[in-house]
């Protein structure tokens, strides 16, 4: 075991073409993110076949599931940040320690939330507005879902550890297989096909837990047998606590950052709701089209994190600068391309979801105005991932807070009073553009200052060239 541990860790991203590395990292991530989106849509589709009450019950669980998903995402981002930099330093022992400790931390946190979740189902969802006829359905679903939290959080941390090594193919494959299993099991457990009992909403929870369980098993096996990133020796308590502190230093702000967007979108929806259900429906359709339009930029932002982490750890700052320059240019290109495609096709595209002319008009207005800022949105995503990869999570938090609560929500309220629904859409566009420009400047200054500082040290001058 010592011989295996002493072998140098593979630094897969610190040599070779920067652009080609980004392409190889991003393409699998596109499919992986699509699989995650499909996972949620599949559950919603099958539960919708049960009727209004089961669908309403599942809808009530979305805020809680999203919040806990944000926690899992934050832990994964924190783990990926420190693991990628340790890989860049070439220290296998540190990589193994960080990977193992990130998994044990996620287990500890999961245990706490399982207990809290199971004991607060009724008061929590009552506070969220669930009525007495829906509460039993929510309890049926969440009693199973909470026990399955281990299969949500731990694999997300494990998959982020795999991505930190420069491998995005395996995590994407794992999520694709999980989505396939969910597709196969949902109708069996929900409707009682194939001789199985009809479990309805409980069946959806069971199918989700089983599908997620495959991701846990696959990620742990790959981390141990393929990447050799786990260790089983019992460390000193202070060593573990130090690892947890470094993970949470990035992970907690990252979790908070991911929570800001759904909260602020809820506020925006309440502003739009003043114009009636037609406006809300149009906004909802446009938001779904937007999520797919930004999928490539989301994949790029997820992919740049391990690249930046490894090269920063290896002190190859010029490669980080080149990666950021290429990423920012691609964000602008993609934003212009999508805006050019959506401008003439938005009415036809939105009519595929709903044929009501008023709904189509509102959705088309959104997709004419907001995509102008998609390039800036990509810059924000890439900058946020870069700061997290550097172990500097606060700039990401500040950017998202500024974008959503200082600019978007107040300007949307003001815009709605002055210009109606279109004023809300212009507020979104302006907020993206303003924060995107600020993110670009902040990111460049931070990276350049570090590189200049290091280049002034003779011992590091060779590694900077």
Protein backbone atom coordinates (compact mmCIF):
# COMPACT_ATOMS: atom_id res chain seq x y z
CA UNK A 1 0.00 0.00 0.00
CA UNK A 2 2.87 2.37 0.77
CA UNK A 3 4.33 1.82 -2.66
CA UNK A 4 1.04 2.73 -4.29
CA UNK A 5 0.70 5.78 -2.09
CA UNK A 6 4.21 6.99 -2.84
CA UNK A 7 3.64 6.93 -6.59
CA UNK A 8 3.33 10.44 -8.03
CA UNK A 9 -0.18 11.64 -8.77
CA UNK A 10 -1.11 12.20 -12.42
CA UNK A 11 -1.17 15.91 -13.28
CA UNK A 12 -3.19 15.50 -16.44
CA UNK A 13 -3.95 19.17 -17.12
CA UNK A 14 -0.64 21.00 -16.62
CA UNK A 15 0.87 20.08 -20.00
CA UNK A 16 -0.41 20.18 -23.59
CA UNK A 17 -2.83 22.42 -25.47
CA UNK A 18 -4.91 24.58 -23.16
CA UNK A 19 -7.78 24.88 -25.64
CA UNK A 20 -7.89 21.15 -26.34
CA UNK A 21 -7.95 20.36 -22.60
CA UNK A 22 -10.94 22.68 -22.16
CA UNK A 23 -12.75 21.05 -25.07
CA UNK A 24 -12.11 17.53 -23.72
CA UNK A 25 -13.31 18.56 -20.26
CA UNK A 26 -16.39 20.47 -21.42
CA UNK A 27 -17.97 18.10 -23.94
CA UNK A 28 -18.60 15.27 -21.42
CA UNK A 29 -19.84 17.84 -18.90
CA UNK A 30 -22.51 19.03 -21.35
CA UNK A 31 -23.97 15.55 -21.44
CA UNK A 32 -23.55 15.11 -17.68
CA UNK A 33 -25.47 18.30 -16.90
CA UNK A 34 -28.16 17.31 -19.40
CA UNK A 35 -28.47 13.97 -17.57
CA UNK A 36 -28.94 15.80 -14.25
CA UNK A 37 -31.70 17.96 -15.78
CA UNK A 38 -33.30 14.88 -17.33
CA UNK A 39 -33.26 13.11 -13.95
CA UNK A 40 -35.55 15.77 -12.46
CA UNK A 41 -37.79 16.04 -15.52
CA UNK A 42 -38.35 12.28 -15.60
CA UNK A 43 -39.64 12.21 -12.03
CA UNK A 44 -41.90 15.20 -12.66
CA UNK A 45 -43.33 13.66 -15.85
CA UNK A 46 -44.29 10.34 -14.29
CA UNK A 47 -45.64 11.85 -11.06
CA UNK A 48 -47.77 14.23 -13.15
CA UNK A 49 -49.57 11.18 -14.53
CA UNK A 50 -50.85 10.46 -11.00
CA UNK A 51 -52.87 13.67 -10.82
CA UNK A 52 -52.77 17.16 -9.37
CA UNK A 53 -52.27 16.35 -5.68
CA UNK A 54 -49.20 14.11 -6.09
CA UNK A 55 -47.69 16.68 -8.47
CA UNK A 56 -48.41 19.45 -5.97
CA UNK A 57 -46.83 17.37 -3.21
CA UNK A 58 -43.67 16.91 -5.24
CA UNK A 59 -43.65 20.62 -6.09
CA UNK A 60 -43.64 21.43 -2.37
CA UNK A 61 -40.51 19.28 -1.95
CA UNK A 62 -38.56 21.19 -4.63
CA UNK A 63 -37.33 24.04 -2.34
CA UNK A 64 -36.06 21.58 0.28
CA UNK A 65 -34.52 19.26 -2.30
CA UNK A 66 -32.91 22.26 -4.03
CA UNK A 67 -31.52 23.58 -0.75
CA UNK A 68 -29.96 20.24 0.17
CA UNK A 69 -28.73 19.87 -3.40
CA UNK A 70 -27.03 23.25 -3.02
CA UNK A 71 -25.34 21.99 0.15
CA UNK A 72 -24.10 18.92 -1.72
CA UNK A 73 -22.91 21.10 -4.59
CA UNK A 74 -21.05 23.37 -2.18
CA UNK A 75 -19.27 20.46 -0.52
CA UNK A 76 -18.34 19.12 -3.94
CA UNK A 77 -16.96 22.48 -5.07
CA UNK A 78 -14.93 22.82 -1.86
CA UNK A 79 -13.52 19.32 -2.24
CA UNK A 80 -12.71 19.83 -5.92
CA UNK A 81 -10.92 23.11 -5.19
CA UNK A 82 -8.44 21.75 -2.66
CA UNK A 83 -7.99 18.37 -4.40
CA UNK A 84 -7.19 19.92 -7.79
CA UNK A 85 -4.58 22.23 -6.27
CA UNK A 86 -3.03 19.30 -4.37
CA UNK A 87 -2.87 17.34 -7.65
CA UNK A 88 -1.14 20.33 -9.25
CA UNK A 89 1.43 20.24 -6.44
CA UNK A 90 2.01 16.53 -7.20
CA UNK A 91 1.35 15.43 -3.61
CA UNK A 92 -0.52 12.10 -3.71
CA UNK A 93 -0.68 11.78 0.10
CA UNK A 94 -2.37 15.17 0.35
CA UNK A 95 -4.76 14.26 -2.49
CA UNK A 96 -5.76 11.04 -0.74
CA UNK A 97 -6.19 12.79 2.59
CA UNK A 98 -8.36 15.57 1.14
CA UNK A 99 -10.48 13.15 -0.92
CA UNK A 100 -11.11 10.79 2.00
CA UNK A 101 -11.80 13.61 4.45
CA UNK A 102 -14.25 15.27 2.05
CA UNK A 103 -16.24 12.04 1.89
CA UNK A 104 -16.26 11.57 5.66
CA UNK A 105 -17.35 15.20 6.11
CA UNK A 106 -20.24 14.68 3.70
CA UNK A 107 -21.28 11.54 5.61
CA UNK A 108 -21.29 13.45 8.89
CA UNK A 109 -23.36 16.30 7.46
CA UNK A 110 -25.77 13.86 5.80
CA UNK A 111 -26.34 12.11 9.13
CA UNK A 112 -27.23 15.41 10.79
CA UNK A 113 -29.66 16.40 8.04
CA UNK A 114 -31.34 12.99 7.96
CA UNK A 115 -32.21 13.34 11.65
CA UNK A 116 -33.33 16.96 11.29
CA UNK A 117 -35.29 16.23 8.12
CA UNK A 118 -37.20 13.23 9.42
CA UNK A 119 -38.21 15.02 12.62
CA UNK A 120 -39.39 18.24 10.92
CA UNK A 121 -41.34 17.06 7.87
CA UNK A 122 -44.78 18.16 9.10
CA UNK A 123 -43.88 21.57 10.62
CA UNK A 124 -41.49 22.45 7.78
CA UNK A 125 -43.89 21.75 4.93
CA UNK A 126 -46.81 23.24 6.83
CA UNK A 127 -44.76 26.43 7.06
CA UNK A 128 -44.16 26.20 3.31
CA UNK A 129 -47.92 26.27 2.76
CA UNK A 130 -48.77 22.58 2.29
CA UNK A 131 -52.38 21.83 3.22
CA UNK A 132 -53.57 18.85 5.24
CA UNK A 133 -54.68 16.82 2.22
CA UNK A 134 -51.20 17.07 0.62
CA UNK A 135 -49.07 16.59 3.76
CA UNK A 136 -49.46 12.76 3.90
CA UNK A 137 -48.18 12.51 0.31
CA UNK A 138 -45.22 14.74 1.14
CA UNK A 139 -44.44 12.57 4.17
CA UNK A 140 -44.58 9.41 2.03
CA UNK A 141 -42.05 10.92 -0.37
CA UNK A 142 -39.66 12.67 2.02
CA UNK A 143 -39.43 9.84 4.56
CA UNK A 144 -37.75 7.79 1.86
CA UNK A 145 -35.93 10.69 0.21
CA UNK A 146 -34.24 11.82 3.44
CA UNK A 147 -32.82 8.33 4.02
CA UNK A 148 -31.50 8.44 0.48
CA UNK A 149 -29.62 11.72 1.06
CA UNK A 150 -26.41 9.75 1.42
CA UNK A 151 -26.79 8.75 -2.23
CA UNK A 152 -27.15 12.41 -3.25
CA UNK A 153 -24.44 14.13 -1.26
CA UNK A 154 -21.60 11.59 -1.13
CA UNK A 155 -21.60 10.79 -4.89
CA UNK A 156 -21.66 14.51 -5.72
CA UNK A 157 -18.55 15.01 -3.59
CA UNK A 158 -16.98 11.88 -5.09
CA UNK A 159 -17.74 12.93 -8.66
CA UNK A 160 -16.23 16.37 -8.01
CA UNK A 161 -13.10 14.65 -6.72
CA UNK A 162 -12.93 12.67 -9.97
CA UNK A 163 -13.34 15.89 -11.99
CA UNK A 164 -10.53 17.47 -9.98
CA UNK A 165 -8.24 14.78 -11.41
CA UNK A 166 -9.11 16.05 -14.90
CA UNK A 167 -11.62 13.32 -15.74
CA UNK A 168 -15.09 14.60 -16.68
CA UNK A 169 -16.06 11.57 -18.76
CA UNK A 170 -16.58 9.15 -15.86
CA UNK A 171 -18.79 11.48 -13.72
CA UNK A 172 -20.91 12.25 -16.80
CA UNK A 173 -21.20 8.55 -17.61
CA UNK A 174 -22.18 7.80 -14.02
CA UNK A 175 -24.95 10.41 -14.10
CA UNK A 176 -26.17 9.20 -17.49
CA UNK A 177 -26.44 5.62 -16.22
CA UNK A 178 -28.27 6.86 -13.11
CA UNK A 179 -30.76 8.79 -15.27
CA UNK A 180 -31.31 5.66 -17.38
CA UNK A 181 -31.97 3.57 -14.28
CA UNK A 182 -34.42 6.19 -13.05
CA UNK A 183 -36.27 6.13 -16.37
CA UNK A 184 -36.58 2.34 -16.14
CA UNK A 185 -37.60 2.16 -12.47
CA UNK A 186 -40.01 5.10 -12.23
CA UNK A 187 -42.95 3.49 -14.08
CA UNK A 188 -42.30 0.14 -12.38
CA UNK A 189 -42.50 1.50 -8.83
CA UNK A 190 -44.93 4.37 -9.39
CA UNK A 191 -47.57 2.47 -11.38
CA UNK A 192 -46.82 -1.06 -10.17
CA UNK A 193 -45.80 -2.53 -13.51
CA UNK A 194 -44.16 -5.92 -13.90
CA UNK A 195 -45.95 -7.43 -10.91
CA UNK A 196 -44.62 -4.82 -8.47
CA UNK A 197 -46.98 -3.06 -6.02
CA UNK A 198 -48.28 0.37 -7.06
CA UNK A 199 -46.41 2.76 -4.76
CA UNK A 200 -47.18 6.06 -6.52
CA UNK A 201 -45.21 8.95 -4.92
CA UNK A 202 -43.28 6.58 -2.67
CA UNK A 203 -42.31 4.67 -5.78
CA UNK A 204 -40.79 7.83 -7.28
CA UNK A 205 -38.69 8.29 -4.14
CA UNK A 206 -37.56 4.65 -4.15
CA UNK A 207 -36.59 4.82 -7.84
CA UNK A 208 -34.60 7.99 -7.17
CA UNK A 209 -32.78 6.45 -4.20
CA UNK A 210 -31.86 3.28 -6.13
CA UNK A 211 -30.63 5.29 -9.12
CA UNK A 212 -28.57 7.55 -6.88
CA UNK A 213 -27.15 4.53 -5.05
CA UNK A 214 -25.50 3.40 -8.28
CA UNK A 215 -23.67 6.74 -8.44
CA UNK A 216 -22.35 6.24 -4.91
CA UNK A 217 -21.01 2.78 -5.64
CA UNK A 218 -19.54 3.73 -9.02
CA UNK A 219 -17.79 6.89 -7.80
CA UNK A 220 -16.24 5.20 -4.76
CA UNK A 221 -15.01 2.21 -6.78
CA UNK A 222 -13.47 4.48 -9.41
CA UNK A 223 -11.81 6.73 -6.84
CA UNK A 224 -10.24 3.77 -5.05
CA UNK A 225 -9.32 1.27 -7.74
CA UNK A 226 -8.68 3.52 -10.75
CA UNK A 227 -7.42 6.83 -9.36
CA UNK A 228 -6.16 5.56 -5.97
CA UNK A 229 -7.38 8.75 -4.31
CA UNK A 230 -8.65 7.15 -1.08
CA UNK A 231 -6.76 6.15 2.04
CA UNK A 232 -7.88 4.02 4.97
CA UNK A 233 -5.36 4.83 7.69
CA UNK A 234 -6.73 6.58 10.79
CA UNK A 235 -5.32 10.13 10.91
CA UNK A 236 -5.00 12.46 13.87
CA UNK A 237 -8.12 14.45 14.67
CA UNK A 238 -6.40 17.79 14.01
CA UNK A 239 -5.42 16.62 10.52
CA UNK A 240 -9.03 15.75 9.67
CA UNK A 241 -10.36 18.99 11.17
CA UNK A 242 -7.82 20.96 9.13
CA UNK A 243 -9.03 19.24 5.94
CA UNK A 244 -12.67 19.90 6.82
CA UNK A 245 -11.88 23.56 7.51
CA UNK A 246 -10.30 23.96 4.05
CA UNK A 247 -13.22 22.21 2.35
CA UNK A 248 -15.85 24.29 4.18
CA UNK A 249 -13.88 27.50 3.53
CA UNK A 250 -14.88 27.14 -0.12
CA UNK A 251 -17.87 24.81 0.26
CA UNK A 252 -20.11 26.87 2.55
CA UNK A 253 -19.93 30.10 0.49
CA UNK A 254 -20.38 28.01 -2.69
CA UNK A 255 -23.50 26.42 -1.20
CA UNK A 256 -24.80 29.85 -0.23
CA UNK A 257 -24.07 31.16 -3.72
CA UNK A 258 -26.06 28.36 -5.35
CA UNK A 259 -28.99 29.08 -3.01
CA UNK A 260 -29.18 32.75 -3.96
CA UNK A 261 -30.42 32.20 -7.50
CA UNK A 262 -33.53 30.08 -6.72
CA UNK A 263 -34.47 32.43 -3.88
CA UNK A 264 -34.18 35.52 -6.08
CA UNK A 265 -36.02 33.83 -8.96
CA UNK A 266 -38.84 33.19 -6.52
CA UNK A 267 -38.97 36.92 -5.79
CA UNK A 268 -38.92 37.74 -9.51
CA UNK A 269 -41.77 35.28 -10.09
CA UNK A 270 -43.82 37.05 -7.41
CA UNK A 271 -43.26 40.38 -9.21
CA UNK A 272 -44.31 38.85 -12.54
CA UNK A 273 -47.33 37.21 -10.88
CA UNK A 274 -48.86 40.67 -10.54
CA UNK A 275 -49.48 40.50 -14.30
CA UNK A 276 -51.41 37.26 -14.01
CA UNK A 277 -50.89 33.55 -14.71
CA UNK A 278 -50.28 34.18 -18.42
CA UNK A 279 -47.19 36.25 -17.60
CA UNK A 280 -45.95 33.61 -15.16
CA UNK A 281 -46.46 30.89 -17.75
CA UNK A 282 -44.53 32.88 -20.37
CA UNK A 283 -41.69 33.51 -17.92
CA UNK A 284 -41.63 29.82 -16.99
CA UNK A 285 -41.35 28.70 -20.61
CA UNK A 286 -38.63 31.26 -21.35
CA UNK A 287 -36.70 30.14 -18.26
CA UNK A 288 -36.75 26.52 -19.45
CA UNK A 289 -35.48 27.53 -22.89
CA UNK A 290 -32.82 29.62 -21.19
CA UNK A 291 -31.63 26.70 -19.04
CA UNK A 292 -30.90 24.69 -22.17
CA UNK A 293 -29.34 27.69 -23.94
CA UNK A 294 -26.88 28.15 -21.07
CA UNK A 295 -26.10 24.44 -20.71
CA UNK A 296 -22.83 24.71 -22.68
CA UNK A 297 -21.66 27.67 -20.59
CA UNK A 298 -22.53 25.81 -17.39
CA UNK A 299 -20.45 22.87 -18.61
CA UNK A 300 -17.53 25.16 -19.45
CA UNK A 301 -17.65 26.80 -16.01
CA UNK A 302 -17.63 23.38 -14.34
CA UNK A 303 -14.75 22.23 -16.54
CA UNK A 304 -12.47 25.18 -15.95
CA UNK A 305 -12.36 24.57 -12.19
CA UNK A 306 -10.09 21.46 -12.27
CA UNK A 307 -7.94 23.03 -14.99
CA UNK A 308 -7.36 26.19 -12.97
CA UNK A 309 -6.86 24.23 -9.75
CA UNK A 310 -4.19 21.90 -11.17
CA UNK A 311 -2.26 24.61 -13.01
CA UNK A 312 -2.45 27.04 -10.11
CA UNK A 313 -1.15 24.33 -7.78
CA UNK A 314 1.68 23.67 -10.26
CA UNK A 315 2.37 27.45 -10.44
CA UNK A 316 1.73 27.51 -14.20
CA UNK A 317 -0.11 30.79 -14.09
CA UNK A 318 0.34 31.57 -17.78
CA UNK A 319 -1.80 28.50 -18.59
CA UNK A 320 -4.54 29.80 -16.26
CA UNK A 321 -4.49 33.17 -18.03
CA UNK A 322 -4.70 31.50 -21.42
CA UNK A 323 -7.60 29.28 -20.29
CA UNK A 324 -9.52 32.28 -18.97
CA UNK A 325 -8.93 34.27 -22.14
CA UNK A 326 -10.18 31.41 -24.31
CA UNK A 327 -13.15 30.78 -22.01
CA UNK A 328 -14.22 34.42 -21.95
CA UNK A 329 -13.97 34.65 -25.75
CA UNK A 330 -16.07 31.49 -26.11
CA UNK A 331 -18.68 32.88 -23.70
CA UNK A 332 -19.04 35.99 -25.86
CA UNK A 333 -19.20 33.90 -29.04
CA UNK A 334 -21.82 31.54 -27.58
CA UNK A 335 -23.88 34.42 -26.22
CA UNK A 336 -23.95 36.16 -29.61
CA UNK A 337 -24.76 32.90 -31.41
CA UNK A 338 -27.65 32.00 -29.09
CA UNK A 339 -29.06 35.53 -29.17
CA UNK A 340 -28.93 35.52 -32.98
CA UNK A 341 -30.74 32.16 -33.11
CA UNK A 342 -33.41 32.97 -30.51
CA UNK A 343 -34.32 36.43 -31.83
CA UNK A 344 -36.13 35.15 -34.97
CA UNK A 345 -37.13 31.71 -33.66
CA UNK A 346 -38.41 32.54 -30.16
CA UNK A 347 -42.14 32.78 -31.10
CA UNK A 348 -42.06 29.42 -32.90
CA UNK A 349 -39.96 27.78 -30.17
CA UNK A 350 -42.16 28.92 -27.30
CA UNK A 351 -45.32 27.93 -29.17
CA UNK A 352 -44.12 24.31 -28.92
CA UNK A 353 -44.71 24.56 -25.16
CA UNK A 354 -47.92 26.59 -25.21
CA UNK A 355 -50.09 27.81 -28.09
CA UNK A 356 -51.68 30.74 -26.21
CA UNK A 357 -50.63 33.86 -28.22
CA UNK A 358 -50.26 35.99 -25.07
CA UNK A 359 -48.01 33.41 -23.39
CA UNK A 360 -45.96 33.11 -26.56
CA UNK A 361 -45.62 36.91 -26.82
CA UNK A 362 -44.28 37.26 -23.27
CA UNK A 363 -41.87 34.33 -23.61
CA UNK A 364 -40.67 35.64 -26.97
CA UNK A 365 -40.06 39.11 -25.45
CA UNK A 366 -37.90 37.56 -22.76
CA UNK A 367 -35.92 35.55 -25.33
CA UNK A 368 -35.40 38.66 -27.45
CA UNK A 369 -34.11 40.86 -24.61
CA UNK A 370 -32.26 38.72 -22.04
CA UNK A 371 -30.08 36.61 -24.42
CA UNK A 372 -28.18 39.81 -25.28
CA UNK A 373 -26.50 39.29 -21.90
CA UNK A 374 -25.87 35.53 -22.14
CA UNK A 375 -22.19 36.11 -22.95
CA UNK A 376 -21.86 38.15 -19.75
CA UNK A 377 -23.68 35.39 -17.83
CA UNK A 378 -21.05 32.95 -19.07
CA UNK A 379 -18.27 35.27 -17.89
CA UNK A 380 -19.88 35.35 -14.44
CA UNK A 381 -20.10 31.54 -14.33
CA UNK A 382 -16.49 31.06 -15.44
CA UNK A 383 -15.21 33.74 -13.05
CA UNK A 384 -17.13 32.23 -10.15
CA UNK A 385 -15.70 28.76 -10.83
CA UNK A 386 -12.21 30.22 -11.15
CA UNK A 387 -12.39 32.01 -7.80
CA UNK A 388 -13.65 28.82 -6.13
CA UNK A 389 -10.83 26.83 -7.73
CA UNK A 390 -8.32 29.31 -6.28
CA UNK A 391 -9.79 28.84 -2.81
CA UNK A 392 -11.33 32.35 -2.89
CA UNK A 393 -15.09 31.81 -2.60
CA UNK A 394 -16.12 35.26 -1.37
CA UNK A 395 -15.81 37.04 -4.76
CA UNK A 396 -18.25 34.50 -6.21
CA UNK A 397 -20.69 35.15 -3.37
CA UNK A 398 -20.35 38.93 -3.76
CA UNK A 399 -20.91 38.74 -7.53
CA UNK A 400 -24.09 36.68 -7.25
CA UNK A 401 -25.44 38.79 -4.37
CA UNK A 402 -24.80 41.95 -6.37
CA UNK A 403 -26.32 40.51 -9.51
CA UNK A 404 -29.50 39.17 -7.93
CA UNK A 405 -30.32 41.23 -4.82
CA UNK A 406 -28.61 44.58 -5.41
CA UNK A 407 -29.39 44.89 -9.13
CA UNK A 408 -31.89 42.37 -10.56
CA UNK A 409 -34.65 42.26 -7.93
CA UNK A 410 -34.78 46.03 -7.20
CA UNK A 411 -34.46 46.97 -10.89
CA UNK A 412 -37.10 44.39 -11.83
CA UNK A 413 -39.52 45.97 -9.36
CA UNK A 414 -38.75 49.46 -10.67
CA UNK A 415 -38.84 48.31 -14.30
CA UNK A 416 -42.20 46.62 -13.83
CA UNK A 417 -43.67 49.88 -12.52
CA UNK A 418 -42.27 51.92 -15.41
CA UNK A 419 -42.37 49.56 -18.39
CA UNK A 420 -44.45 46.54 -17.40
CA UNK A 421 -43.24 42.97 -17.87
CA UNK A 422 -40.58 44.03 -20.38
CA UNK A 423 -39.04 46.24 -17.70
CA UNK A 424 -38.36 43.08 -15.65
CA UNK A 425 -36.62 41.48 -18.62
CA UNK A 426 -34.49 44.58 -19.25
CA UNK A 427 -33.49 44.48 -15.56
CA UNK A 428 -32.24 40.90 -16.01
CA UNK A 429 -30.26 41.88 -19.09
CA UNK A 430 -28.65 44.92 -17.44
CA UNK A 431 -27.78 43.00 -14.26
CA UNK A 432 -26.01 40.28 -16.25
CA UNK A 433 -24.06 42.80 -18.33
CA UNK A 434 -22.99 44.95 -15.38
CA UNK A 435 -21.85 42.08 -13.17
CA UNK A 436 -20.29 40.28 -16.13
CA UNK A 437 -18.02 43.25 -16.84
CA UNK A 438 -17.16 43.53 -13.14
CA UNK A 439 -16.46 39.78 -12.91
CA UNK A 440 -14.08 39.94 -15.86
CA UNK A 441 -12.11 42.85 -14.36
CA UNK A 442 -12.03 41.35 -10.85
CA UNK A 443 -10.90 37.97 -12.14
CA UNK A 444 -8.13 39.40 -14.31
CA UNK A 445 -6.81 41.63 -11.53
CA UNK A 446 -6.73 38.78 -8.99
CA UNK A 447 -4.90 36.37 -11.30
CA UNK A 448 -2.48 38.96 -12.68
CA UNK A 449 -1.48 40.24 -9.25
CA UNK A 450 -0.66 36.70 -8.12
CA UNK A 451 1.35 35.98 -11.26
CA UNK A 452 3.32 39.23 -11.01
CA UNK A 453 4.05 38.60 -7.35
CA UNK A 454 5.33 35.10 -8.05
CA UNK A 455 7.37 36.20 -11.08
CA UNK A 456 9.32 38.55 -8.83
CA UNK A 457 10.59 35.53 -6.87
CA UNK A 458 13.69 34.10 -8.64
CA UNK A 459 13.04 30.58 -7.40
CA UNK A 460 9.70 30.47 -9.21
CA UNK A 461 10.63 32.32 -12.40
CA UNK A 462 11.24 29.12 -14.37
CA UNK A 463 7.84 27.64 -13.53
CA UNK A 464 6.11 30.81 -14.66
CA UNK A 465 7.52 30.67 -18.16
